[in-house]
Each structure stands twice: as structure tokens, then as C-alpha cells.
Amino acid sequence: MSNENVIGTVLSDQETPTFETVRIKSKTGQDVSPGTLVKIPVPINGSVVSLIGRIKSAYEHNPHESPEDIKAARQNSLTISQIDVL
């Protein structure tokens, strides 16, 4: 039995991923706390290897300011987490 749970998607931008830091966009309803260990599957030469990371910090990105928009955004829960690669 596996206790693996997909918590989000790795973001690729001008800042990450690097050898030291990976950022992810969490799926709705997936809460992670700083210090949580995560496994990141990485395809290399036709096979998949796993990187182990630790959640360093997280923040919620909410571009909406009105109460109605905040409520709608919370229902869609956009959370970005930064992971230190171990």
C-alpha cells in the first residue's frame, strides 16, 4: 500500500527550479506545512528517479481584493510552496 499523494505541480520560471530550490503550485485542498518531506519524480534517460525535498515555506497568491473575489479565490485555493532539495 502506498501513502503517496499528489500535492501539486512543479513550477518552472526564471527563478526555479534550481539545484537547491523547487517551487510548486498546490492542488486545491492540499495543505502542506514547513518541514514536510516530499518526493519529486524526475525523468532521467528514460526512467524516473525521485528527489526528496523539504517544504521550506508557503504563501497564498490571491490577486483579488474584493470580499466576493476573495471567497471565489479561496474556493480555488492557489498556494505556492517553496521546497529545498535535500
N, C-alpha and C. Protein backbone atom coordinates (compact mmCIF):
# COMPACT_ATOMS: atom_id res chain seq x y z
N MET A 1 0.84 -1.18 0.00
CA MET A 1 0.00 0.00 0.00
C MET A 1 0.88 1.24 0.00
N SER A 2 0.52 2.19 -0.82
CA SER A 2 1.31 3.41 -0.94
C SER A 2 0.59 4.57 -0.27
N ASN A 3 1.34 5.42 0.42
CA ASN A 3 0.74 6.60 1.03
C ASN A 3 1.07 7.86 0.22
N GLU A 4 1.42 7.67 -1.05
CA GLU A 4 1.76 8.80 -1.90
C GLU A 4 0.51 9.56 -2.28
N ASN A 5 0.62 10.88 -2.30
CA ASN A 5 -0.49 11.75 -2.62
C ASN A 5 0.06 12.91 -3.43
N VAL A 6 -0.47 13.13 -4.63
CA VAL A 6 -0.01 14.24 -5.46
C VAL A 6 -0.52 15.53 -4.83
N ILE A 7 0.43 16.40 -4.45
CA ILE A 7 0.03 17.65 -3.79
C ILE A 7 0.05 18.85 -4.72
N GLY A 8 0.68 18.71 -5.89
CA GLY A 8 0.74 19.86 -6.79
C GLY A 8 1.64 19.61 -7.98
N THR A 9 1.99 20.72 -8.63
CA THR A 9 2.78 20.70 -9.86
C THR A 9 4.01 21.59 -9.69
N VAL A 10 5.15 21.11 -10.14
CA VAL A 10 6.38 21.90 -10.10
C VAL A 10 6.25 23.07 -11.06
N LEU A 11 6.61 24.27 -10.58
CA LEU A 11 6.60 25.46 -11.42
C LEU A 11 7.98 25.66 -12.05
N SER A 12 7.98 26.08 -13.29
CA SER A 12 9.23 26.38 -13.98
C SER A 12 9.15 27.83 -14.44
N ASP A 13 10.03 28.66 -13.88
CA ASP A 13 10.08 30.07 -14.26
C ASP A 13 11.54 30.51 -14.28
N GLN A 14 11.79 31.79 -14.29
CA GLN A 14 13.17 32.27 -14.36
C GLN A 14 13.94 32.03 -13.07
N GLU A 15 13.24 31.79 -11.96
CA GLU A 15 13.90 31.60 -10.68
C GLU A 15 14.07 30.14 -10.28
N THR A 16 13.13 29.29 -10.65
CA THR A 16 13.19 27.88 -10.26
C THR A 16 12.67 27.01 -11.39
N PRO A 17 12.92 25.72 -11.36
CA PRO A 17 13.68 25.03 -10.34
C PRO A 17 15.18 25.24 -10.51
N THR A 18 15.89 25.10 -9.39
CA THR A 18 17.35 25.12 -9.39
C THR A 18 17.81 23.85 -8.69
N PHE A 19 19.11 23.72 -8.52
CA PHE A 19 19.63 22.56 -7.78
C PHE A 19 19.26 22.63 -6.31
N GLU A 20 18.90 23.81 -5.82
CA GLU A 20 18.61 24.00 -4.40
C GLU A 20 17.15 24.27 -4.08
N THR A 21 16.39 24.81 -5.03
CA THR A 21 15.03 25.23 -4.75
C THR A 21 14.08 24.82 -5.87
N VAL A 22 12.91 24.34 -5.48
CA VAL A 22 11.84 23.99 -6.41
C VAL A 22 10.56 24.62 -5.86
N ARG A 23 9.80 25.28 -6.74
CA ARG A 23 8.51 25.82 -6.29
C ARG A 23 7.40 24.98 -6.89
N ILE A 24 6.33 24.80 -6.13
CA ILE A 24 5.18 24.05 -6.62
C ILE A 24 3.91 24.86 -6.45
N LYS A 25 2.93 24.58 -7.30
CA LYS A 25 1.59 25.12 -7.13
C LYS A 25 0.76 23.98 -6.57
N SER A 26 0.26 24.16 -5.35
CA SER A 26 -0.51 23.11 -4.68
C SER A 26 -1.87 22.95 -5.33
N LYS A 27 -2.34 21.72 -5.34
CA LYS A 27 -3.70 21.46 -5.79
C LYS A 27 -4.67 21.95 -4.73
N THR A 28 -5.88 22.25 -5.14
CA THR A 28 -6.91 22.70 -4.21
C THR A 28 -7.09 21.67 -3.09
N GLY A 29 -7.10 22.17 -1.87
CA GLY A 29 -7.31 21.30 -0.72
C GLY A 29 -6.07 20.60 -0.20
N GLN A 30 -4.93 20.80 -0.82
CA GLN A 30 -3.69 20.17 -0.38
C GLN A 30 -2.92 21.15 0.50
N ASP A 31 -2.92 20.90 1.77
CA ASP A 31 -2.18 21.74 2.71
C ASP A 31 -0.90 21.04 3.12
N VAL A 32 0.21 21.76 3.03
CA VAL A 32 1.49 21.23 3.48
C VAL A 32 2.09 22.23 4.46
N SER A 33 2.83 21.72 5.40
CA SER A 33 3.44 22.56 6.43
C SER A 33 4.94 22.61 6.23
N PRO A 34 5.56 23.72 6.65
CA PRO A 34 7.02 23.76 6.61
C PRO A 34 7.60 22.56 7.36
N GLY A 35 8.64 21.99 6.77
CA GLY A 35 9.28 20.82 7.37
C GLY A 35 8.80 19.50 6.78
N THR A 36 7.69 19.51 6.05
CA THR A 36 7.16 18.28 5.45
C THR A 36 8.09 17.80 4.35
N LEU A 37 8.39 16.49 4.35
CA LEU A 37 9.20 15.89 3.29
C LEU A 37 8.31 15.54 2.11
N VAL A 38 8.79 15.79 0.90
CA VAL A 38 8.06 15.46 -0.32
C VAL A 38 8.97 14.73 -1.29
N LYS A 39 8.34 13.90 -2.13
CA LYS A 39 9.08 13.17 -3.17
C LYS A 39 8.71 13.80 -4.51
N ILE A 40 9.73 14.12 -5.31
CA ILE A 40 9.52 14.75 -6.60
C ILE A 40 10.04 13.80 -7.68
N PRO A 41 9.13 13.21 -8.49
CA PRO A 41 9.60 12.32 -9.57
C PRO A 41 10.25 13.13 -10.70
N VAL A 42 11.41 12.67 -11.16
CA VAL A 42 12.15 13.37 -12.21
C VAL A 42 12.54 12.36 -13.29
N PRO A 43 12.10 12.60 -14.55
CA PRO A 43 12.51 11.69 -15.62
C PRO A 43 13.95 11.94 -16.04
N ILE A 44 14.76 10.87 -16.06
CA ILE A 44 16.16 10.97 -16.49
C ILE A 44 16.48 9.76 -17.36
N ASN A 45 16.90 10.02 -18.58
CA ASN A 45 17.32 8.96 -19.51
C ASN A 45 16.31 7.82 -19.62
N GLY A 46 15.04 8.16 -19.75
CA GLY A 46 14.02 7.14 -19.96
C GLY A 46 13.48 6.47 -18.71
N SER A 47 14.04 6.79 -17.55
CA SER A 47 13.49 6.24 -16.31
C SER A 47 13.15 7.40 -15.38
N VAL A 48 12.48 7.08 -14.29
CA VAL A 48 12.07 8.11 -13.34
C VAL A 48 12.80 7.88 -12.02
N VAL A 49 13.49 8.92 -11.55
CA VAL A 49 14.15 8.88 -10.25
C VAL A 49 13.41 9.85 -9.33
N SER A 50 13.64 9.72 -8.05
CA SER A 50 12.95 10.58 -7.08
C SER A 50 13.91 11.49 -6.36
N LEU A 51 13.56 12.78 -6.30
CA LEU A 51 14.27 13.73 -5.46
C LEU A 51 13.46 13.87 -4.18
N ILE A 52 14.13 13.99 -3.07
CA ILE A 52 13.45 14.23 -1.79
C ILE A 52 13.67 15.68 -1.42
N GLY A 53 12.59 16.36 -1.07
CA GLY A 53 12.67 17.77 -0.70
C GLY A 53 11.95 18.01 0.61
N ARG A 54 12.20 19.14 1.20
CA ARG A 54 11.54 19.55 2.44
C ARG A 54 10.87 20.90 2.20
N ILE A 55 9.60 21.01 2.57
CA ILE A 55 8.88 22.27 2.41
C ILE A 55 9.54 23.31 3.31
N LYS A 56 9.97 24.40 2.70
CA LYS A 56 10.62 25.48 3.45
C LYS A 56 9.62 26.55 3.86
N SER A 57 8.76 26.96 2.92
CA SER A 57 7.79 28.00 3.21
C SER A 57 6.65 27.89 2.21
N ALA A 58 5.56 28.58 2.50
CA ALA A 58 4.42 28.59 1.59
C ALA A 58 3.70 29.92 1.72
N TYR A 59 3.05 30.32 0.65
CA TYR A 59 2.21 31.51 0.70
C TYR A 59 1.05 31.33 -0.25
N GLU A 60 -0.03 32.05 0.03
CA GLU A 60 -1.20 32.01 -0.83
C GLU A 60 -1.16 33.22 -1.74
N HIS A 61 -1.26 32.97 -3.02
CA HIS A 61 -1.28 34.06 -4.00
C HIS A 61 -2.73 34.38 -4.30
N ASN A 62 -3.15 35.59 -3.97
CA ASN A 62 -4.53 36.00 -4.19
C ASN A 62 -4.54 37.39 -4.82
N PRO A 63 -4.72 37.47 -6.13
CA PRO A 63 -4.69 38.78 -6.79
C PRO A 63 -5.99 39.56 -6.62
N HIS A 64 -6.97 38.99 -5.97
CA HIS A 64 -8.28 39.62 -5.83
C HIS A 64 -8.39 40.37 -4.51
N GLU A 65 -9.06 41.50 -4.54
CA GLU A 65 -9.16 42.33 -3.34
C GLU A 65 -10.57 42.38 -2.76
N SER A 66 -11.61 42.27 -3.59
CA SER A 66 -12.97 42.40 -3.06
C SER A 66 -13.35 41.15 -2.27
N PRO A 67 -14.22 41.26 -1.27
CA PRO A 67 -14.64 40.09 -0.49
C PRO A 67 -15.23 38.98 -1.36
N GLU A 68 -15.98 39.34 -2.39
CA GLU A 68 -16.57 38.33 -3.26
C GLU A 68 -15.48 37.57 -4.03
N ASP A 69 -14.49 38.32 -4.52
CA ASP A 69 -13.40 37.68 -5.26
C ASP A 69 -12.51 36.85 -4.34
N ILE A 70 -12.31 37.31 -3.11
CA ILE A 70 -11.51 36.54 -2.15
C ILE A 70 -12.19 35.21 -1.86
N LYS A 71 -13.50 35.24 -1.67
CA LYS A 71 -14.25 34.00 -1.42
C LYS A 71 -14.09 33.04 -2.59
N ALA A 72 -14.23 33.55 -3.82
CA ALA A 72 -14.09 32.71 -5.01
C ALA A 72 -12.67 32.16 -5.12
N ALA A 73 -11.68 32.99 -4.83
CA ALA A 73 -10.28 32.54 -4.91
C ALA A 73 -9.99 31.47 -3.87
N ARG A 74 -10.56 31.61 -2.66
CA ARG A 74 -10.34 30.59 -1.62
C ARG A 74 -10.94 29.25 -2.02
N GLN A 75 -12.03 29.30 -2.76
CA GLN A 75 -12.62 28.05 -3.24
C GLN A 75 -11.69 27.39 -4.26
N ASN A 76 -10.88 28.19 -4.95
CA ASN A 76 -9.93 27.66 -5.92
C ASN A 76 -8.52 27.55 -5.36
N SER A 77 -8.30 28.03 -4.14
CA SER A 77 -7.09 27.88 -3.35
C SER A 77 -5.80 27.80 -4.14
N LEU A 78 -5.15 28.93 -4.37
CA LEU A 78 -3.87 28.96 -5.05
C LEU A 78 -2.76 29.13 -4.03
N THR A 79 -2.00 28.09 -3.81
CA THR A 79 -0.92 28.13 -2.84
C THR A 79 0.39 27.77 -3.53
N ILE A 80 1.40 28.57 -3.29
CA ILE A 80 2.73 28.30 -3.85
C ILE A 80 3.63 27.90 -2.69
N SER A 81 4.32 26.78 -2.83
CA SER A 81 5.23 26.31 -1.80
C SER A 81 6.64 26.30 -2.34
N GLN A 82 7.59 26.64 -1.51
CA GLN A 82 9.00 26.55 -1.89
C GLN A 82 9.58 25.34 -1.20
N ILE A 83 10.31 24.54 -1.95
CA ILE A 83 10.89 23.31 -1.43
C ILE A 83 12.40 23.39 -1.54
N ASP A 84 13.09 23.07 -0.46
CA ASP A 84 14.54 22.92 -0.51
C ASP A 84 14.83 21.47 -0.92
N VAL A 85 15.65 21.28 -1.94
CA VAL A 85 16.02 19.93 -2.36
C VAL A 85 17.09 19.43 -1.43
N LEU A 86 16.88 18.23 -0.88
CA LEU A 86 17.84 17.66 0.08
C LEU A 86 18.89 16.85 -0.63
